[in-house]
Amino acid sequence: MDTEWRDTRSQLINSIDILLARRATGLMTRDNYRTVNNITLGKYPEAKQ
């Protein structure tokens, strides 16, 4: 087994992990999640600075 990869991955948290946690705990509604997702996918060019 590749335990080194698993250990490294377990120490990392990315923006997707945070968004999923917020959605799961009810801190982010479906509409807010969709908006953030659209921004990260580049669907709102004015959001890029």
C-alpha atoms as a PDB file:
ATOM      1  CA  MET A   1       0.000   0.000   0.000  1.00  0.00           C
ATOM      2  CA  ASP A   2       1.087   3.526  -0.653  1.00  0.00           C
ATOM      3  CA  THR A   3       0.866   4.863   2.890  1.00  0.00           C
ATOM      4  CA  GLU A   4       3.083   7.854   2.123  1.00  0.00           C
ATOM      5  CA  TRP A   5       0.492   9.249  -0.317  1.00  0.00           C
ATOM      6  CA  ARG A   6      -2.331   8.635   2.147  1.00  0.00           C
ATOM      7  CA  ASP A   7      -0.435  10.341   4.994  1.00  0.00           C
ATOM      8  CA  THR A   8       0.343  13.350   2.809  1.00  0.00           C
ATOM      9  CA  ARG A   9      -3.226  13.617   1.561  1.00  0.00           C
ATOM     10  CA  SER A  10      -4.680  13.379   5.063  1.00  0.00           C
ATOM     11  CA  GLN A  11      -2.692  16.466   6.091  1.00  0.00           C
ATOM     12  CA  LEU A  12      -4.011  18.543   3.233  1.00  0.00           C
ATOM     13  CA  ILE A  13      -7.333  20.307   3.014  1.00  0.00           C
ATOM     14  CA  ASN A  14      -8.413  22.123  -0.099  1.00  0.00           C
ATOM     15  CA  SER A  15     -11.212  24.487  -1.027  1.00  0.00           C
ATOM     16  CA  ILE A  16     -13.405  21.644  -2.262  1.00  0.00           C
ATOM     17  CA  ASP A  17     -13.148  19.937   1.146  1.00  0.00           C
ATOM     18  CA  ILE A  18     -14.224  23.191   2.809  1.00  0.00           C
ATOM     19  CA  LEU A  19     -17.148  23.701   0.440  1.00  0.00           C
ATOM     20  CA  LEU A  20     -18.363  20.140   0.920  1.00  0.00           C
ATOM     21  CA  ALA A  21     -18.111  20.484   4.700  1.00  0.00           C
ATOM     22  CA  ARG A  22     -20.048  23.749   4.672  1.00  0.00           C
ATOM     23  CA  ARG A  23     -22.751  22.246   2.506  1.00  0.00           C
ATOM     24  CA  ALA A  24     -22.964  19.116   4.659  1.00  0.00           C
ATOM     25  CA  THR A  25     -23.350  21.161   7.853  1.00  0.00           C
ATOM     26  CA  GLY A  26     -25.918  23.496   6.342  1.00  0.00           C
ATOM     27  CA  LEU A  27     -23.598  26.502   6.384  1.00  0.00           C
ATOM     28  CA  MET A  28     -23.828  26.792   2.626  1.00  0.00           C
ATOM     29  CA  THR A  29     -27.086  26.549   0.747  1.00  0.00           C
ATOM     30  CA  ARG A  30     -27.429  24.890  -2.628  1.00  0.00           C
ATOM     31  CA  ASP A  31     -27.622  28.283  -4.386  1.00  0.00           C
ATOM     32  CA  ASN A  32     -24.498  29.575  -2.655  1.00  0.00           C
ATOM     33  CA  TYR A  33     -22.653  26.365  -3.486  1.00  0.00           C
ATOM     34  CA  ARG A  34     -23.659  26.676  -7.141  1.00  0.00           C
ATOM     35  CA  THR A  35     -22.489  30.307  -7.270  1.00  0.00           C
ATOM     36  CA  VAL A  36     -19.113  29.480  -5.743  1.00  0.00           C
ATOM     37  CA  ASN A  37     -18.760  26.519  -8.078  1.00  0.00           C
ATOM     38  CA  ASN A  38     -19.523  28.717 -11.090  1.00  0.00           C
ATOM     39  CA  ILE A  39     -16.918  31.259  -9.982  1.00  0.00           C
ATOM     40  CA  THR A  40     -14.268  28.563  -9.563  1.00  0.00           C
ATOM     41  CA  LEU A  41     -15.127  27.218 -13.018  1.00  0.00           C
ATOM     42  CA  GLY A  42     -14.604  30.677 -14.523  1.00  0.00           C
ATOM     43  CA  LYS A  43     -18.230  31.313 -15.431  1.00  0.00           C
ATOM     44  CA  TYR A  44     -18.064  34.804 -13.906  1.00  0.00           C
ATOM     45  CA  PRO A  45     -15.175  36.612 -15.645  1.00  0.00           C
ATOM     46  CA  GLU A  46     -15.753  39.738 -13.538  1.00  0.00           C
ATOM     47  CA  ALA A  47     -14.818  37.726 -10.433  1.00  0.00           C
ATOM     48  CA  LYS A  48     -11.271  37.230 -11.721  1.00  0.00           C
ATOM     49  CA  GLN A  49      -8.942  39.910 -10.384  1.00  0.00           C
END
